[in-house]
Amino acid sequence: MLEILFELPMNLLGLGISAFIGRFAYSGYATVASPNLLRLTFAFVSIAIGFALLAGGLFAGGYSQAVTTAGLVAQATGYFFIAFSHSLKSFDFAPPRHFLLVPLAITGFVIPGNSIEHLVRSISFILLVYVSIETIASYMQSKRTSTLMIGSGLGLLAVAELLSWYNFIYPGSFYLAALSIKVAGFGLMFVPFSKFGLASGLGRMNSQIGSGL
């Protein structure tokens, strides 16, 4: 019961943050018609749906595992859109370099007790590591604080997925910490989006943030 009292508000907080980021991204898209911002809108809406499913899974009874897995798949889809958006924007996706991380995802098949949820978390981790590295690299060129905050937020999301991944090996040891870090990551990303989204020139500023992804 104590875990539910913690998980529910954290998932709802994550839902609110990701939904607002999606709203700011869509507002930017509506203003400047940037395909990059449209992809980011899809990404954060999908992540928000994932948080909603994770919260609903707490009350789904016998369907709890299925609902939770669906939530993780929705969030992994959002991470894919973010990574895809970044790869199209930068045009520097080098398969030999980045696919060195693939063995980390494959370990989802070889560790005892693997499941669809385990595999989805592994894929999410790979996507988040890629996009966080590329975003930090973008910051090294642009020196924009907003890009650094987004890259750091994505890095926290990767750490959260890694801890959740290890939670399968040591059940109950990392889940709450992972959820807290995950929400903190989205909170860190929310700051630049909200700062520019609530200011005048919404579309122009959102377009600049989008270029960091």
N, C-alpha and C. Protein backbone atom coordinates (compact mmCIF):
# COMPACT_ATOMS: atom_id res chain seq x y z
N MET A 1 0.83 -1.21 0.00
CA MET A 1 0.00 0.00 0.00
C MET A 1 0.87 1.26 0.00
N LEU A 2 1.96 1.21 0.76
CA LEU A 2 2.86 2.36 0.82
C LEU A 2 3.47 2.64 -0.55
N GLU A 3 3.82 1.57 -1.29
CA GLU A 3 4.39 1.75 -2.61
C GLU A 3 3.39 2.39 -3.56
N ILE A 4 2.12 1.98 -3.46
CA ILE A 4 1.09 2.56 -4.31
C ILE A 4 0.92 4.05 -4.01
N LEU A 5 0.95 4.40 -2.73
CA LEU A 5 0.82 5.81 -2.35
C LEU A 5 1.96 6.65 -2.89
N PHE A 6 3.10 6.02 -3.13
CA PHE A 6 4.24 6.74 -3.71
C PHE A 6 4.19 6.71 -5.24
N GLU A 7 3.90 5.52 -5.79
CA GLU A 7 3.91 5.36 -7.24
C GLU A 7 2.82 6.18 -7.94
N LEU A 8 1.63 6.20 -7.36
CA LEU A 8 0.52 6.89 -8.01
C LEU A 8 0.80 8.38 -8.21
N PRO A 9 1.17 9.13 -7.16
CA PRO A 9 1.44 10.56 -7.39
C PRO A 9 2.65 10.80 -8.29
N MET A 10 3.66 9.91 -8.23
CA MET A 10 4.83 10.09 -9.09
C MET A 10 4.47 9.87 -10.55
N ASN A 11 3.65 8.84 -10.81
CA ASN A 11 3.22 8.60 -12.19
C ASN A 11 2.32 9.72 -12.70
N LEU A 12 1.45 10.24 -11.82
CA LEU A 12 0.59 11.35 -12.22
C LEU A 12 1.41 12.61 -12.47
N LEU A 13 2.46 12.81 -11.67
CA LEU A 13 3.35 13.95 -11.88
C LEU A 13 4.06 13.82 -13.22
N GLY A 14 4.57 12.60 -13.50
CA GLY A 14 5.21 12.35 -14.78
C GLY A 14 4.25 12.56 -15.93
N LEU A 15 2.99 12.14 -15.75
CA LEU A 15 1.96 12.35 -16.76
C LEU A 15 1.77 13.84 -17.04
N GLY A 16 1.64 14.63 -15.97
CA GLY A 16 1.43 16.06 -16.13
C GLY A 16 2.60 16.75 -16.82
N ILE A 17 3.82 16.40 -16.41
CA ILE A 17 5.01 17.04 -16.99
C ILE A 17 5.14 16.70 -18.48
N SER A 18 5.03 15.42 -18.80
CA SER A 18 5.20 15.01 -20.20
C SER A 18 4.07 15.56 -21.07
N ALA A 19 2.84 15.64 -20.52
CA ALA A 19 1.72 16.20 -21.28
C ALA A 19 1.95 17.68 -21.57
N PHE A 20 2.47 18.41 -20.59
CA PHE A 20 2.74 19.83 -20.81
C PHE A 20 3.86 20.04 -21.83
N ILE A 21 4.90 19.19 -21.77
CA ILE A 21 5.97 19.31 -22.76
C ILE A 21 5.40 19.05 -24.16
N GLY A 22 4.53 18.03 -24.27
CA GLY A 22 3.88 17.75 -25.54
C GLY A 22 3.05 18.91 -26.02
N ARG A 23 2.37 19.57 -25.08
CA ARG A 23 1.54 20.72 -25.44
C ARG A 23 2.40 21.87 -25.95
N PHE A 24 3.53 22.14 -25.28
CA PHE A 24 4.41 23.21 -25.73
C PHE A 24 5.01 22.89 -27.10
N ALA A 25 5.39 21.61 -27.30
CA ALA A 25 5.94 21.21 -28.60
C ALA A 25 4.90 21.39 -29.70
N TYR A 26 3.65 21.03 -29.41
CA TYR A 26 2.59 21.17 -30.42
C TYR A 26 2.31 22.65 -30.72
N SER A 27 2.36 23.47 -29.68
CA SER A 27 2.16 24.91 -29.89
C SER A 27 3.24 25.46 -30.81
N GLY A 28 4.46 25.00 -30.61
CA GLY A 28 5.55 25.42 -31.49
C GLY A 28 5.33 24.93 -32.91
N TYR A 29 4.87 23.67 -33.04
CA TYR A 29 4.60 23.13 -34.38
C TYR A 29 3.49 23.92 -35.07
N ALA A 30 2.44 24.27 -34.32
CA ALA A 30 1.33 25.02 -34.91
C ALA A 30 1.77 26.39 -35.40
N THR A 31 2.83 26.93 -34.78
CA THR A 31 3.31 28.26 -35.15
C THR A 31 4.27 28.23 -36.33
N VAL A 32 5.23 27.28 -36.29
CA VAL A 32 6.28 27.27 -37.32
C VAL A 32 6.21 26.07 -38.25
N ALA A 33 5.28 25.14 -37.98
CA ALA A 33 5.10 23.95 -38.84
C ALA A 33 6.39 23.15 -39.00
N SER A 34 7.13 22.99 -37.90
CA SER A 34 8.37 22.24 -37.94
C SER A 34 8.09 20.74 -37.77
N PRO A 35 8.49 19.90 -38.72
CA PRO A 35 8.29 18.45 -38.57
C PRO A 35 8.97 17.89 -37.32
N ASN A 36 10.09 18.51 -36.95
CA ASN A 36 10.80 18.07 -35.75
C ASN A 36 9.93 18.25 -34.51
N LEU A 37 9.26 19.38 -34.41
CA LEU A 37 8.38 19.64 -33.28
C LEU A 37 7.15 18.73 -33.30
N LEU A 38 6.68 18.37 -34.49
CA LEU A 38 5.55 17.43 -34.57
C LEU A 38 5.96 16.07 -34.05
N ARG A 39 7.16 15.63 -34.40
CA ARG A 39 7.66 14.35 -33.88
C ARG A 39 7.81 14.40 -32.37
N LEU A 40 8.29 15.54 -31.85
CA LEU A 40 8.42 15.68 -30.41
C LEU A 40 7.04 15.68 -29.73
N THR A 41 6.04 16.24 -30.41
CA THR A 41 4.68 16.20 -29.87
C THR A 41 4.21 14.77 -29.74
N PHE A 42 4.37 13.98 -30.80
CA PHE A 42 4.00 12.57 -30.74
C PHE A 42 4.77 11.85 -29.63
N ALA A 43 6.05 12.19 -29.50
CA ALA A 43 6.89 11.52 -28.51
C ALA A 43 6.36 11.74 -27.10
N PHE A 44 6.12 12.99 -26.73
CA PHE A 44 5.73 13.27 -25.35
C PHE A 44 4.28 12.92 -25.07
N VAL A 45 3.42 12.96 -26.10
CA VAL A 45 2.05 12.47 -25.91
C VAL A 45 2.08 10.97 -25.63
N SER A 46 2.91 10.24 -26.37
CA SER A 46 3.05 8.80 -26.15
C SER A 46 3.59 8.51 -24.76
N ILE A 47 4.56 9.31 -24.32
CA ILE A 47 5.13 9.13 -22.98
C ILE A 47 4.07 9.42 -21.91
N ALA A 48 3.26 10.46 -22.13
CA ALA A 48 2.19 10.79 -21.19
C ALA A 48 1.17 9.64 -21.11
N ILE A 49 0.82 9.06 -22.26
CA ILE A 49 -0.08 7.91 -22.27
C ILE A 49 0.53 6.76 -21.48
N GLY A 50 1.85 6.59 -21.63
CA GLY A 50 2.54 5.55 -20.87
C GLY A 50 2.41 5.75 -19.38
N PHE A 51 2.60 6.98 -18.91
CA PHE A 51 2.45 7.27 -17.49
C PHE A 51 1.02 6.99 -17.02
N ALA A 52 0.03 7.34 -17.87
CA ALA A 52 -1.36 7.10 -17.52
C ALA A 52 -1.63 5.60 -17.36
N LEU A 53 -1.07 4.81 -18.27
CA LEU A 53 -1.25 3.36 -18.18
C LEU A 53 -0.53 2.78 -16.96
N LEU A 54 0.66 3.32 -16.65
CA LEU A 54 1.38 2.84 -15.47
C LEU A 54 0.60 3.15 -14.20
N ALA A 55 -0.03 4.32 -14.16
CA ALA A 55 -0.86 4.66 -13.00
C ALA A 55 -2.09 3.76 -12.95
N GLY A 56 -2.71 3.52 -14.11
CA GLY A 56 -3.88 2.65 -14.15
C GLY A 56 -3.55 1.21 -13.80
N GLY A 57 -2.34 0.79 -14.11
CA GLY A 57 -1.93 -0.57 -13.80
C GLY A 57 -1.93 -0.88 -12.32
N LEU A 58 -1.82 0.16 -11.50
CA LEU A 58 -1.83 -0.04 -10.05
C LEU A 58 -3.19 -0.53 -9.56
N PHE A 59 -4.23 -0.32 -10.37
CA PHE A 59 -5.59 -0.68 -9.96
C PHE A 59 -6.23 -1.68 -10.92
N ALA A 60 -5.41 -2.31 -11.75
CA ALA A 60 -5.94 -3.20 -12.79
C ALA A 60 -6.10 -4.64 -12.34
N GLY A 61 -5.77 -4.93 -11.11
CA GLY A 61 -5.94 -6.28 -10.59
C GLY A 61 -5.14 -7.31 -11.36
N GLY A 62 -5.84 -8.32 -11.88
CA GLY A 62 -5.17 -9.39 -12.60
C GLY A 62 -4.57 -8.95 -13.93
N TYR A 63 -4.99 -7.79 -14.42
CA TYR A 63 -4.46 -7.28 -15.68
C TYR A 63 -3.33 -6.28 -15.46
N SER A 64 -2.87 -6.18 -14.23
CA SER A 64 -1.87 -5.18 -13.87
C SER A 64 -0.60 -5.31 -14.71
N GLN A 65 -0.10 -6.53 -14.88
CA GLN A 65 1.14 -6.73 -15.63
C GLN A 65 0.98 -6.32 -17.08
N ALA A 66 -0.16 -6.67 -17.69
CA ALA A 66 -0.40 -6.33 -19.09
C ALA A 66 -0.50 -4.82 -19.28
N VAL A 67 -1.21 -4.15 -18.36
CA VAL A 67 -1.37 -2.70 -18.47
C VAL A 67 -0.02 -2.00 -18.27
N THR A 68 0.76 -2.48 -17.31
CA THR A 68 2.08 -1.91 -17.05
C THR A 68 2.99 -2.06 -18.27
N THR A 69 2.97 -3.25 -18.87
CA THR A 69 3.79 -3.49 -20.06
C THR A 69 3.36 -2.58 -21.20
N ALA A 70 2.04 -2.40 -21.37
CA ALA A 70 1.54 -1.49 -22.41
C ALA A 70 2.02 -0.07 -22.16
N GLY A 71 2.07 0.34 -20.90
CA GLY A 71 2.57 1.67 -20.56
C GLY A 71 4.03 1.83 -20.92
N LEU A 72 4.83 0.81 -20.64
CA LEU A 72 6.25 0.86 -20.96
C LEU A 72 6.48 0.88 -22.47
N VAL A 73 5.64 0.13 -23.21
CA VAL A 73 5.75 0.13 -24.67
C VAL A 73 5.42 1.53 -25.22
N ALA A 74 4.39 2.16 -24.66
CA ALA A 74 4.02 3.51 -25.09
C ALA A 74 5.17 4.48 -24.84
N GLN A 75 5.84 4.35 -23.70
CA GLN A 75 6.95 5.26 -23.40
C GLN A 75 8.15 4.96 -24.29
N ALA A 76 8.40 3.67 -24.56
CA ALA A 76 9.50 3.32 -25.46
C ALA A 76 9.25 3.88 -26.85
N THR A 77 7.97 3.90 -27.27
CA THR A 77 7.62 4.50 -28.56
C THR A 77 7.95 5.99 -28.56
N GLY A 78 7.66 6.65 -27.44
CA GLY A 78 8.01 8.06 -27.32
C GLY A 78 9.50 8.29 -27.40
N TYR A 79 10.28 7.44 -26.73
CA TYR A 79 11.74 7.57 -26.79
C TYR A 79 12.24 7.35 -28.22
N PHE A 80 11.58 6.42 -28.94
CA PHE A 80 11.97 6.18 -30.33
C PHE A 80 11.76 7.44 -31.17
N PHE A 81 10.63 8.12 -31.00
CA PHE A 81 10.36 9.33 -31.75
C PHE A 81 11.41 10.40 -31.45
N ILE A 82 11.82 10.49 -30.18
CA ILE A 82 12.85 11.48 -29.82
C ILE A 82 14.17 11.13 -30.51
N ALA A 83 14.57 9.85 -30.43
CA ALA A 83 15.82 9.42 -31.06
C ALA A 83 15.76 9.58 -32.58
N PHE A 84 14.62 9.22 -33.17
CA PHE A 84 14.45 9.34 -34.62
C PHE A 84 14.52 10.80 -35.04
N SER A 85 13.89 11.66 -34.28
CA SER A 85 13.91 13.09 -34.57
C SER A 85 15.33 13.62 -34.54
N HIS A 86 16.08 13.19 -33.54
CA HIS A 86 17.45 13.68 -33.42
C HIS A 86 18.31 13.18 -34.56
N SER A 87 18.14 11.91 -34.95
CA SER A 87 18.97 11.34 -36.02
C SER A 87 18.69 12.04 -37.35
N LEU A 88 17.43 12.41 -37.60
CA LEU A 88 17.10 13.13 -38.83
C LEU A 88 17.64 14.55 -38.79
N LYS A 89 17.63 15.16 -37.59
CA LYS A 89 18.06 16.55 -37.47
C LYS A 89 19.56 16.70 -37.63
N SER A 90 20.30 15.74 -37.07
CA SER A 90 21.75 15.88 -37.05
C SER A 90 22.42 15.31 -38.30
N PHE A 91 21.79 14.30 -38.92
CA PHE A 91 22.35 13.64 -40.10
C PHE A 91 23.74 13.07 -39.84
N ASP A 92 24.01 12.71 -38.60
CA ASP A 92 25.34 12.16 -38.31
C ASP A 92 25.23 10.82 -37.61
N PHE A 93 24.15 10.11 -37.85
CA PHE A 93 23.96 8.81 -37.21
C PHE A 93 24.93 7.81 -37.82
N ALA A 94 25.85 7.33 -36.99
CA ALA A 94 26.87 6.40 -37.47
C ALA A 94 26.60 5.02 -36.88
N PRO A 95 26.01 4.09 -37.64
CA PRO A 95 25.63 2.79 -37.12
C PRO A 95 26.75 2.02 -36.43
N PRO A 96 27.97 1.95 -37.00
CA PRO A 96 29.00 1.17 -36.32
C PRO A 96 29.30 1.67 -34.91
N ARG A 97 29.22 2.99 -34.72
CA ARG A 97 29.56 3.54 -33.41
C ARG A 97 28.43 3.31 -32.41
N HIS A 98 27.19 3.63 -32.79
CA HIS A 98 26.09 3.56 -31.85
C HIS A 98 25.59 2.14 -31.62
N PHE A 99 25.73 1.27 -32.61
CA PHE A 99 25.22 -0.07 -32.44
C PHE A 99 26.14 -0.93 -31.58
N LEU A 100 27.25 -0.35 -31.11
CA LEU A 100 28.05 -1.05 -30.10
C LEU A 100 27.26 -1.22 -28.82
N LEU A 101 26.19 -0.42 -28.64
CA LEU A 101 25.35 -0.50 -27.45
C LEU A 101 24.30 -1.60 -27.54
N VAL A 102 24.12 -2.17 -28.73
CA VAL A 102 23.06 -3.17 -28.92
C VAL A 102 23.21 -4.37 -28.00
N PRO A 103 24.44 -4.88 -27.73
CA PRO A 103 24.55 -6.03 -26.82
C PRO A 103 23.89 -5.79 -25.47
N LEU A 104 23.85 -4.54 -25.00
CA LEU A 104 23.19 -4.25 -23.73
C LEU A 104 21.70 -4.57 -23.82
N ALA A 105 21.10 -4.33 -24.97
CA ALA A 105 19.69 -4.64 -25.15
C ALA A 105 19.48 -6.14 -25.28
N ILE A 106 20.42 -6.81 -25.96
CA ILE A 106 20.28 -8.25 -26.17
C ILE A 106 20.33 -9.01 -24.86
N THR A 107 21.00 -8.45 -23.84
CA THR A 107 21.08 -9.15 -22.56
C THR A 107 19.71 -9.37 -21.96
N GLY A 108 18.70 -8.65 -22.43
CA GLY A 108 17.34 -8.89 -21.96
C GLY A 108 16.87 -10.29 -22.26
N PHE A 109 17.48 -10.94 -23.29
CA PHE A 109 17.09 -12.30 -23.63
C PHE A 109 17.83 -13.35 -22.81
N VAL A 110 19.01 -13.01 -22.31
CA VAL A 110 19.86 -14.04 -21.71
C VAL A 110 19.84 -14.05 -20.19
N ILE A 111 19.37 -12.98 -19.56
CA ILE A 111 19.32 -12.97 -18.11
C ILE A 111 18.09 -13.73 -17.64
N PRO A 112 18.22 -14.65 -16.68
CA PRO A 112 17.07 -15.43 -16.21
C PRO A 112 15.92 -14.53 -15.79
N GLY A 113 14.71 -14.96 -16.09
CA GLY A 113 13.54 -14.20 -15.69
C GLY A 113 13.19 -13.10 -16.66
N ASN A 114 13.74 -13.16 -17.91
CA ASN A 114 13.45 -12.10 -18.87
C ASN A 114 11.97 -12.13 -19.24
N SER A 115 11.47 -10.99 -19.70
CA SER A 115 10.07 -10.84 -20.06
C SER A 115 9.96 -9.75 -21.10
N ILE A 116 8.76 -9.53 -21.62
CA ILE A 116 8.55 -8.45 -22.57
C ILE A 116 8.88 -7.11 -21.91
N GLU A 117 8.47 -6.97 -20.64
CA GLU A 117 8.75 -5.73 -19.92
C GLU A 117 10.25 -5.50 -19.81
N HIS A 118 10.97 -6.56 -19.53
CA HIS A 118 12.42 -6.48 -19.41
C HIS A 118 13.03 -6.03 -20.73
N LEU A 119 12.59 -6.62 -21.83
CA LEU A 119 13.11 -6.29 -23.14
C LEU A 119 12.79 -4.85 -23.52
N VAL A 120 11.57 -4.41 -23.23
CA VAL A 120 11.17 -3.04 -23.55
C VAL A 120 12.04 -2.04 -22.81
N ARG A 121 12.32 -2.32 -21.54
CA ARG A 121 13.19 -1.42 -20.78
C ARG A 121 14.60 -1.39 -21.37
N SER A 122 15.08 -2.53 -21.86
CA SER A 122 16.39 -2.57 -22.48
C SER A 122 16.44 -1.70 -23.73
N ILE A 123 15.39 -1.80 -24.54
CA ILE A 123 15.32 -0.98 -25.76
C ILE A 123 15.24 0.50 -25.41
N SER A 124 14.42 0.83 -24.40
CA SER A 124 14.30 2.23 -23.97
C SER A 124 15.65 2.77 -23.52
N PHE A 125 16.40 1.94 -22.81
CA PHE A 125 17.72 2.37 -22.33
C PHE A 125 18.65 2.70 -23.49
N ILE A 126 18.66 1.85 -24.52
CA ILE A 126 19.51 2.08 -25.67
C ILE A 126 19.14 3.39 -26.38
N LEU A 127 17.85 3.60 -26.58
CA LEU A 127 17.38 4.81 -27.25
C LEU A 127 17.76 6.06 -26.45
N LEU A 128 17.60 5.99 -25.13
CA LEU A 128 17.88 7.15 -24.29
C LEU A 128 19.37 7.44 -24.21
N VAL A 129 20.19 6.40 -24.17
CA VAL A 129 21.64 6.62 -24.16
C VAL A 129 22.07 7.30 -25.45
N TYR A 130 21.56 6.82 -26.58
CA TYR A 130 21.91 7.43 -27.86
C TYR A 130 21.53 8.91 -27.91
N VAL A 131 20.26 9.22 -27.59
CA VAL A 131 19.80 10.60 -27.76
C VAL A 131 20.42 11.52 -26.71
N SER A 132 20.70 11.02 -25.52
CA SER A 132 21.33 11.88 -24.51
C SER A 132 22.77 12.22 -24.91
N ILE A 133 23.51 11.24 -25.44
CA ILE A 133 24.87 11.50 -25.90
C ILE A 133 24.87 12.51 -27.04
N GLU A 134 23.95 12.32 -28.00
CA GLU A 134 23.90 13.23 -29.14
C GLU A 134 23.47 14.64 -28.72
N THR A 135 22.58 14.73 -27.73
CA THR A 135 22.13 16.05 -27.27
C THR A 135 23.25 16.78 -26.53
N ILE A 136 24.00 16.05 -25.72
CA ILE A 136 25.14 16.66 -25.04
C ILE A 136 26.19 17.10 -26.06
N ALA A 137 26.39 16.28 -27.10
CA ALA A 137 27.32 16.66 -28.16
C ALA A 137 26.85 17.94 -28.85
N SER A 138 25.53 18.06 -29.03
CA SER A 138 24.96 19.28 -29.61
C SER A 138 25.21 20.48 -28.71
N TYR A 139 25.13 20.25 -27.39
CA TYR A 139 25.40 21.34 -26.44
C TYR A 139 26.85 21.80 -26.55
N MET A 140 27.78 20.86 -26.76
CA MET A 140 29.18 21.22 -26.87
C MET A 140 29.43 22.16 -28.04
N GLN A 141 28.57 22.09 -29.05
CA GLN A 141 28.71 22.96 -30.21
C GLN A 141 27.96 24.28 -30.02
N SER A 142 26.74 24.19 -29.47
CA SER A 142 25.90 25.38 -29.39
C SER A 142 26.07 26.16 -28.08
N LYS A 143 26.46 25.45 -27.00
CA LYS A 143 26.60 26.04 -25.66
C LYS A 143 25.30 26.65 -25.16
N ARG A 144 24.15 26.13 -25.60
CA ARG A 144 22.87 26.61 -25.13
C ARG A 144 22.49 25.87 -23.86
N THR A 145 22.15 26.63 -22.82
CA THR A 145 21.79 26.02 -21.54
C THR A 145 20.58 25.10 -21.67
N SER A 146 19.61 25.50 -22.51
CA SER A 146 18.41 24.68 -22.69
C SER A 146 18.76 23.31 -23.24
N THR A 147 19.72 23.25 -24.16
CA THR A 147 20.14 21.96 -24.72
C THR A 147 20.82 21.11 -23.66
N LEU A 148 21.62 21.73 -22.79
CA LEU A 148 22.28 21.01 -21.71
C LEU A 148 21.25 20.42 -20.75
N MET A 149 20.22 21.19 -20.42
CA MET A 149 19.20 20.70 -19.49
C MET A 149 18.42 19.54 -20.10
N ILE A 150 18.10 19.64 -21.39
CA ILE A 150 17.39 18.55 -22.05
C ILE A 150 18.27 17.30 -22.11
N GLY A 151 19.54 17.48 -22.45
CA GLY A 151 20.46 16.34 -22.49
C GLY A 151 20.63 15.69 -21.13
N SER A 152 20.72 16.51 -20.09
CA SER A 152 20.86 15.98 -18.72
C SER A 152 19.59 15.24 -18.31
N GLY A 153 18.43 15.79 -18.70
CA GLY A 153 17.17 15.12 -18.39
C GLY A 153 17.09 13.77 -19.06
N LEU A 154 17.49 13.70 -20.32
CA LEU A 154 17.50 12.43 -21.03
C LEU A 154 18.48 11.44 -20.39
N GLY A 155 19.60 11.96 -19.91
CA GLY A 155 20.55 11.10 -19.21
C GLY A 155 19.96 10.51 -17.95
N LEU A 156 19.20 11.32 -17.21
CA LEU A 156 18.53 10.81 -16.01
C LEU A 156 17.51 9.73 -16.38
N LEU A 157 16.82 9.91 -17.49
CA LEU A 157 15.86 8.89 -17.93
C LEU A 157 16.58 7.57 -18.24
N ALA A 158 17.76 7.67 -18.85
CA ALA A 158 18.54 6.47 -19.14
C ALA A 158 18.95 5.76 -17.85
N VAL A 159 19.39 6.54 -16.86
CA VAL A 159 19.76 5.97 -15.56
C VAL A 159 18.56 5.29 -14.92
N ALA A 160 17.39 5.92 -15.02
CA ALA A 160 16.17 5.35 -14.44
C ALA A 160 15.83 4.02 -15.10
N GLU A 161 15.96 3.94 -16.42
CA GLU A 161 15.65 2.68 -17.11
C GLU A 161 16.66 1.61 -16.74
N LEU A 162 17.92 2.00 -16.55
CA LEU A 162 18.93 1.03 -16.16
C LEU A 162 18.64 0.47 -14.77
N LEU A 163 18.26 1.33 -13.84
CA LEU A 163 17.91 0.87 -12.49
C LEU A 163 16.68 -0.03 -12.53
N SER A 164 15.70 0.34 -13.35
CA SER A 164 14.50 -0.50 -13.47
C SER A 164 14.85 -1.85 -14.07
N TRP A 165 15.78 -1.85 -14.98
CA TRP A 165 16.26 -3.08 -15.62
C TRP A 165 16.89 -4.01 -14.57
N TYR A 166 17.72 -3.44 -13.69
CA TYR A 166 18.34 -4.24 -12.64
C TYR A 166 17.35 -4.65 -11.56
N ASN A 167 16.23 -3.97 -11.50
CA ASN A 167 15.21 -4.34 -10.53
C ASN A 167 14.68 -5.74 -10.79
N PHE A 168 14.82 -6.22 -12.04
CA PHE A 168 14.41 -7.59 -12.34
C PHE A 168 15.33 -8.60 -11.67
N ILE A 169 16.59 -8.21 -11.48
CA ILE A 169 17.56 -9.11 -10.86
C ILE A 169 17.46 -9.04 -9.34
N TYR A 170 17.25 -7.85 -8.83
CA TYR A 170 17.10 -7.64 -7.39
C TYR A 170 15.73 -6.99 -7.14
N PRO A 171 14.67 -7.78 -7.17
CA PRO A 171 13.30 -7.25 -7.08
C PRO A 171 13.10 -6.36 -5.86
N GLY A 172 12.49 -5.20 -6.10
CA GLY A 172 12.15 -4.28 -5.03
C GLY A 172 13.27 -3.38 -4.56
N SER A 173 14.45 -3.54 -5.17
CA SER A 173 15.60 -2.78 -4.67
C SER A 173 15.75 -1.41 -5.32
N PHE A 174 15.33 -1.28 -6.56
CA PHE A 174 15.62 -0.06 -7.31
C PHE A 174 14.39 0.64 -7.87
N TYR A 175 13.22 0.03 -7.81
CA TYR A 175 12.07 0.56 -8.54
C TYR A 175 11.69 1.98 -8.12
N LEU A 176 11.56 2.21 -6.82
CA LEU A 176 11.14 3.53 -6.36
C LEU A 176 12.18 4.59 -6.68
N ALA A 177 13.46 4.23 -6.54
CA ALA A 177 14.52 5.16 -6.89
C ALA A 177 14.48 5.47 -8.40
N ALA A 178 14.24 4.42 -9.20
CA ALA A 178 14.18 4.61 -10.65
C ALA A 178 13.02 5.52 -11.03
N LEU A 179 11.87 5.33 -10.39
CA LEU A 179 10.71 6.17 -10.70
C LEU A 179 10.96 7.62 -10.32
N SER A 180 11.61 7.84 -9.19
CA SER A 180 11.92 9.21 -8.76
C SER A 180 12.87 9.89 -9.74
N ILE A 181 13.91 9.15 -10.18
CA ILE A 181 14.88 9.71 -11.12
C ILE A 181 14.21 9.98 -12.46
N LYS A 182 13.30 9.10 -12.85
CA LYS A 182 12.59 9.26 -14.12
C LYS A 182 11.77 10.56 -14.12
N VAL A 183 11.03 10.79 -13.07
CA VAL A 183 10.23 12.01 -12.97
C VAL A 183 11.14 13.24 -12.91
N ALA A 184 12.26 13.11 -12.19
CA ALA A 184 13.21 14.22 -12.11
C ALA A 184 13.77 14.55 -13.49
N GLY A 185 14.02 13.51 -14.31
CA GLY A 185 14.51 13.73 -15.66
C GLY A 185 13.53 14.51 -16.51
N PHE A 186 12.25 14.13 -16.43
CA PHE A 186 11.24 14.86 -17.18
C PHE A 186 11.08 16.28 -16.62
N GLY A 187 11.22 16.41 -15.30
CA GLY A 187 11.13 17.74 -14.70
C GLY A 187 12.24 18.65 -15.21
N LEU A 188 13.44 18.10 -15.36
CA LEU A 188 14.56 18.89 -15.86
C LEU A 188 14.33 19.31 -17.31
N MET A 189 13.73 18.43 -18.10
CA MET A 189 13.42 18.75 -19.49
C MET A 189 12.28 19.77 -19.58
N PHE A 190 11.40 19.74 -18.59
CA PHE A 190 10.24 20.63 -18.61
C PHE A 190 10.65 22.10 -18.48
N VAL A 191 11.73 22.35 -17.75
CA VAL A 191 12.14 23.73 -17.46
C VAL A 191 12.35 24.55 -18.73
N PRO A 192 13.20 24.11 -19.68
CA PRO A 192 13.38 24.94 -20.88
C PRO A 192 12.12 25.03 -21.74
N PHE A 193 11.35 23.93 -21.82
CA PHE A 193 10.13 23.98 -22.61
C PHE A 193 9.13 24.96 -22.01
N SER A 194 8.96 24.93 -20.70
CA SER A 194 7.99 25.82 -20.06
C SER A 194 8.47 27.27 -20.11
N LYS A 195 9.76 27.48 -19.94
CA LYS A 195 10.32 28.83 -19.95
C LYS A 195 10.06 29.50 -21.29
N PHE A 196 10.33 28.77 -22.37
CA PHE A 196 10.16 29.34 -23.69
C PHE A 196 8.71 29.25 -24.16
N GLY A 197 8.00 28.23 -23.68
CA GLY A 197 6.63 28.05 -24.12
C GLY A 197 5.70 29.10 -23.57
N LEU A 198 5.97 29.61 -22.38
CA LEU A 198 5.11 30.60 -21.77
C LEU A 198 5.50 32.03 -22.15
N ALA A 199 6.63 32.14 -22.84
CA ALA A 199 7.09 33.46 -23.26
C ALA A 199 6.51 33.80 -24.63
N SER A 200 6.71 35.04 -25.03
CA SER A 200 6.27 35.42 -26.37
C SER A 200 7.19 34.75 -27.39
N GLY A 201 6.70 34.59 -28.62
CA GLY A 201 7.49 33.92 -29.64
C GLY A 201 7.58 32.44 -29.36
N LEU A 202 6.47 31.85 -28.94
CA LEU A 202 6.44 30.44 -28.55
C LEU A 202 7.02 29.53 -29.61
N GLY A 203 6.54 29.65 -30.83
CA GLY A 203 6.98 28.74 -31.89
C GLY A 203 8.47 28.87 -32.17
N ARG A 204 8.95 30.10 -32.23
CA ARG A 204 10.37 30.30 -32.52
C ARG A 204 11.26 29.68 -31.46
N MET A 205 10.91 29.89 -30.21
CA MET A 205 11.74 29.36 -29.13
C MET A 205 11.62 27.85 -29.06
N ASN A 206 10.42 27.30 -29.25
CA ASN A 206 10.27 25.85 -29.26
C ASN A 206 11.05 25.23 -30.39
N SER A 207 11.13 25.92 -31.52
CA SER A 207 11.90 25.41 -32.64
C SER A 207 13.37 25.32 -32.28
N GLN A 208 13.85 26.30 -31.50
CA GLN A 208 15.25 26.25 -31.07
C GLN A 208 15.49 25.09 -30.13
N ILE A 209 14.53 24.86 -29.21
CA ILE A 209 14.68 23.72 -28.30
C ILE A 209 14.66 22.43 -29.10
N GLY A 210 13.74 22.34 -30.05
CA GLY A 210 13.63 21.14 -30.86
C GLY A 210 14.89 20.82 -31.60
N SER A 211 15.64 21.83 -32.00
CA SER A 211 16.87 21.60 -32.73
C SER A 211 17.92 20.91 -31.88
N GLY A 212 17.76 21.00 -30.54
CA GLY A 212 18.69 20.31 -29.66
C GLY A 212 18.40 18.83 -29.58
N LEU A 213 17.23 18.40 -30.10
CA LEU A 213 16.87 17.00 -30.12
C LEU A 213 16.96 16.44 -31.52
